[in-house]
Amino acid sequence: QAEVTKAAAIEGGGNQSEIEQAITGTAQIAAGTPTEVAELATILARAGFDAKEISNSLNGIVIGAEATGVAFADMGSIVSNNLRAFGLETTKTNDLVDILVATANSSNQTIQDLGESLKYAAPIARSLGISVNDTAGLVALLANNGIKGSDAGTALRSVFDRITRAATGARGELLGLTKGNQKLSKAFKALGADILDANGNLKPMDEVII
């Protein structure tokens, strides 16, 4: 009960009853304890989620945590960060969790690695109109080539940034983008060199991933 009160106090909307109902409902399907679910609600409240957003998110986050074997709190931080970073409504929590779990479980990385990568790559990916699904797919390609976590995130962020600056030029401009930067060179090799079309524009990510 104390943790519920804390979550409601941080949320600040006088919605303790709504938050408590959401926690109770999720705890009934969770392997963890009600206190662990309440601690997750507190994390979401600290991330700026209101009572409705907390209610929308709890179930999906708990299911994702159990599917990947991580603590509710860890999964909550990863999911809340990426909901905000990609501008997604909390009603899309289950869809986001599905993408994250599938990506982590099908590539050479943990869900924590993926979350760390997306922390760096997500803001610029969103600005380029690249979806969370496509961004996660690119992170998976890098992870399978031994580049993961913050290394993958910073490399991918730099790739996106340099592609943006090169997109108005010829395809040949790509040749100089990674000169002297071993991490970026490896990232380009892993992703495939041909990521611009004939006009020097960034290809759709689903074409790059194929």
Protein backbone atom coordinates (compact mmCIF):
# COMPACT_ATOMS: atom_id res chain seq x y z
CA GLN A 1 0.00 0.00 0.00
CA ALA A 2 2.86 2.39 0.77
CA GLU A 3 4.29 1.94 -2.74
CA VAL A 4 0.85 2.59 -4.28
CA THR A 5 0.62 5.79 -2.28
CA LYS A 6 4.10 6.78 -3.47
CA ALA A 7 3.21 6.16 -7.12
CA ALA A 8 0.03 8.21 -6.77
CA ALA A 9 1.87 11.03 -5.02
CA ILE A 10 4.47 11.22 -7.80
CA GLU A 11 1.74 11.06 -10.46
CA GLY A 12 0.22 14.04 -8.70
CA GLY A 13 -3.27 13.86 -10.10
CA GLY A 14 -5.15 12.59 -7.09
CA ASN A 15 -5.79 9.30 -8.88
CA GLN A 16 -4.67 6.79 -6.28
CA SER A 17 -7.79 4.65 -6.68
CA GLU A 18 -7.28 4.32 -10.46
CA ILE A 19 -3.61 3.51 -10.05
CA GLU A 20 -4.34 0.98 -7.29
CA GLN A 21 -6.92 -0.78 -9.48
CA ALA A 22 -4.43 -0.98 -12.35
CA ILE A 23 -1.74 -2.40 -10.05
CA THR A 24 -4.13 -4.96 -8.56
CA GLY A 25 -5.32 -6.10 -11.99
CA THR A 26 -1.78 -6.50 -13.31
CA ALA A 27 -0.58 -8.26 -10.17
CA GLN A 28 -3.21 -10.96 -10.79
CA ILE A 29 -1.51 -11.96 -14.04
CA ALA A 30 2.08 -11.32 -12.97
CA ALA A 31 4.57 -13.77 -11.54
CA GLY A 32 5.94 -10.96 -9.39
CA THR A 33 4.42 -9.51 -6.26
CA PRO A 34 1.95 -6.62 -6.05
CA THR A 35 4.74 -4.57 -4.49
CA GLU A 36 6.92 -5.13 -7.57
CA VAL A 37 4.06 -4.02 -9.81
CA ALA A 38 3.55 -0.97 -7.62
CA GLU A 39 7.26 -0.16 -7.89
CA LEU A 40 6.87 -0.35 -11.67
CA ALA A 41 3.97 2.10 -11.46
CA THR A 42 6.22 4.44 -9.47
CA ILE A 43 8.86 4.29 -12.19
CA LEU A 44 6.27 5.16 -14.82
CA ALA A 45 4.97 8.03 -12.71
CA ARG A 46 8.51 9.36 -12.43
CA ALA A 47 8.75 9.16 -16.22
CA GLY A 48 5.81 11.56 -16.40
CA PHE A 49 3.03 9.05 -17.04
CA ASP A 50 -0.40 9.99 -15.74
CA ALA A 51 -2.78 7.47 -14.17
CA LYS A 52 -4.36 6.51 -17.49
CA GLU A 53 -0.99 6.01 -19.13
CA ILE A 54 0.17 3.89 -16.20
CA SER A 55 -2.97 1.77 -16.54
CA ASN A 56 -2.37 1.38 -20.28
CA SER A 57 1.22 0.28 -19.82
CA LEU A 58 1.48 -2.01 -16.80
CA ASN A 59 0.26 -5.27 -18.33
CA GLY A 60 2.40 -5.06 -21.45
CA ILE A 61 5.54 -4.17 -19.52
CA VAL A 62 5.06 -7.03 -17.05
CA ILE A 63 4.50 -9.53 -19.86
CA GLY A 64 7.63 -8.26 -21.63
CA ALA A 65 9.68 -8.47 -18.44
CA GLU A 66 8.64 -12.05 -17.85
CA ALA A 67 9.31 -12.99 -21.48
CA THR A 68 12.88 -11.68 -21.27
CA GLY A 69 13.68 -12.57 -17.68
CA VAL A 70 14.36 -9.03 -16.47
CA ALA A 71 13.01 -7.11 -13.52
CA PHE A 72 9.77 -5.19 -13.97
CA ALA A 73 11.62 -1.98 -13.16
CA ASP A 74 14.23 -2.53 -15.87
CA MET A 75 11.63 -3.31 -18.51
CA GLY A 76 9.58 -0.33 -17.39
CA SER A 77 12.48 2.04 -17.91
CA ILE A 78 13.22 0.66 -21.38
CA VAL A 79 9.60 0.75 -22.52
CA SER A 80 8.80 4.17 -21.08
CA ASN A 81 11.96 5.65 -22.61
CA ASN A 82 11.07 4.36 -26.06
CA LEU A 83 7.40 5.28 -25.90
CA ARG A 84 8.53 8.86 -25.31
CA ALA A 85 11.50 8.77 -27.69
CA PHE A 86 9.41 7.56 -30.63
CA GLY A 87 6.37 9.67 -29.74
CA LEU A 88 4.11 6.66 -29.21
CA GLU A 89 0.86 6.67 -27.24
CA THR A 90 0.76 4.35 -24.24
CA THR A 91 -2.03 2.44 -25.99
CA LYS A 92 0.79 1.15 -28.22
CA THR A 93 2.69 -0.33 -25.27
CA ASN A 94 1.91 -3.94 -26.17
CA ASP A 95 3.02 -3.38 -29.78
CA LEU A 96 6.27 -1.79 -28.61
CA VAL A 97 6.92 -4.59 -26.12
CA ASP A 98 6.34 -7.18 -28.86
CA ILE A 99 8.96 -5.46 -31.06
CA LEU A 100 11.49 -5.17 -28.24
CA VAL A 101 11.06 -8.75 -27.04
CA ALA A 102 11.17 -10.22 -30.55
CA THR A 103 14.27 -8.20 -31.42
CA ALA A 104 16.14 -9.10 -28.24
CA ASN A 105 15.21 -12.78 -28.36
CA SER A 106 16.10 -13.20 -32.04
CA SER A 107 19.47 -11.44 -32.04
CA ASN A 108 22.78 -11.54 -30.19
CA GLN A 109 21.82 -9.13 -27.42
CA THR A 110 19.85 -8.80 -24.22
CA ILE A 111 16.86 -6.54 -23.75
CA GLN A 112 19.14 -4.27 -21.72
CA ASP A 113 21.58 -4.07 -24.66
CA LEU A 114 18.72 -3.16 -26.95
CA GLY A 115 17.43 -0.52 -24.58
CA GLU A 116 20.89 1.01 -24.30
CA SER A 117 21.26 1.09 -28.10
CA LEU A 118 17.88 2.71 -28.62
CA LYS A 119 18.60 5.34 -25.98
CA TYR A 120 21.20 6.80 -28.33
CA ALA A 121 19.63 6.02 -31.70
CA ALA A 122 15.92 6.68 -31.11
CA PRO A 123 15.84 10.51 -31.11
CA ILE A 124 17.52 10.93 -34.49
CA ALA A 125 15.66 7.92 -35.91
CA ARG A 126 12.38 9.57 -35.02
CA SER A 127 13.49 12.86 -36.58
CA LEU A 128 14.18 10.98 -39.83
CA GLY A 129 10.80 9.27 -39.71
CA ILE A 130 12.33 5.84 -39.07
CA SER A 131 10.00 3.65 -37.02
CA VAL A 132 10.87 1.84 -33.83
CA ASN A 133 10.46 -1.46 -35.68
CA ASP A 134 12.99 -0.47 -38.35
CA THR A 135 15.39 1.03 -35.83
CA ALA A 136 15.26 -2.09 -33.68
CA GLY A 137 15.88 -4.18 -36.80
CA LEU A 138 19.02 -2.20 -37.58
CA VAL A 139 20.20 -2.55 -33.99
CA ALA A 140 19.69 -6.31 -34.31
CA LEU A 141 21.87 -6.40 -37.43
CA LEU A 142 24.62 -4.59 -35.58
CA ALA A 143 24.28 -6.87 -32.54
CA ASN A 144 24.64 -9.93 -34.73
CA ASN A 145 27.90 -8.44 -35.99
CA GLY A 146 29.26 -7.92 -32.50
CA ILE A 147 28.25 -4.26 -32.07
CA LYS A 148 25.77 -3.86 -29.23
CA GLY A 149 24.64 -1.66 -26.38
CA SER A 150 25.93 1.91 -26.34
CA ASP A 151 28.43 1.07 -29.09
CA ALA A 152 25.59 0.14 -31.44
CA GLY A 153 23.51 3.12 -30.41
CA THR A 154 26.23 5.71 -30.89
CA ALA A 155 27.36 4.11 -34.16
CA LEU A 156 23.82 4.05 -35.53
CA ARG A 157 23.20 7.62 -34.38
CA SER A 158 26.35 8.73 -36.19
CA VAL A 159 25.36 6.77 -39.29
CA PHE A 160 21.95 8.48 -39.36
CA ASP A 161 23.52 11.87 -38.79
CA ARG A 162 26.09 11.47 -41.52
CA ILE A 163 23.57 10.02 -43.94
CA THR A 164 21.39 13.06 -43.36
CA ARG A 165 24.26 15.36 -44.23
CA ALA A 166 25.27 13.26 -47.24
CA ALA A 167 21.77 12.70 -48.61
CA THR A 168 21.86 15.76 -50.86
CA GLY A 169 25.06 14.57 -52.56
CA ALA A 170 26.07 11.69 -54.75
CA ARG A 171 26.27 8.13 -53.60
CA GLY A 172 30.05 8.36 -53.70
CA GLU A 173 30.02 10.70 -50.71
CA LEU A 174 29.46 7.65 -48.54
CA LEU A 175 33.01 6.54 -49.24
CA GLY A 176 34.46 9.23 -47.01
CA LEU A 177 31.95 9.16 -44.20
CA THR A 178 33.69 6.57 -42.03
CA LYS A 179 37.28 7.41 -42.83
CA GLY A 180 39.36 7.14 -39.68
CA ASN A 181 36.45 5.87 -37.57
CA GLN A 182 36.72 2.13 -37.03
CA LYS A 183 33.40 1.85 -35.18
CA LEU A 184 31.47 3.58 -37.96
CA SER A 185 33.28 1.61 -40.64
CA LYS A 186 32.26 -1.64 -38.94
CA ALA A 187 28.69 -0.36 -38.55
CA PHE A 188 28.43 0.50 -42.25
CA LYS A 189 29.83 -2.89 -43.18
CA ALA A 190 27.34 -4.64 -40.92
CA LEU A 191 24.39 -2.66 -42.22
CA GLY A 192 25.49 -2.93 -45.83
CA ALA A 193 27.11 -0.15 -47.84
CA ASP A 194 24.18 0.41 -50.17
CA ILE A 195 21.86 2.34 -47.84
CA LEU A 196 21.28 5.27 -50.18
CA ASP A 197 19.36 5.13 -53.44
CA ALA A 198 20.68 6.31 -56.80
CA ASN A 199 19.79 9.90 -55.92
CA GLY A 200 21.69 9.83 -52.65
CA ASN A 201 18.56 9.62 -50.49
CA LEU A 202 18.14 7.28 -47.54
CA LYS A 203 16.38 4.08 -48.58
CA PRO A 204 13.33 2.84 -46.66
CA MET A 205 14.64 0.82 -43.73
CA ASP A 206 12.69 -2.28 -44.72
CA GLU A 207 14.72 -2.34 -47.95
CA VAL A 208 17.96 -1.93 -46.04
CA ILE A 209 17.16 -4.74 -43.63
CA ILE A 210 16.25 -7.26 -46.35
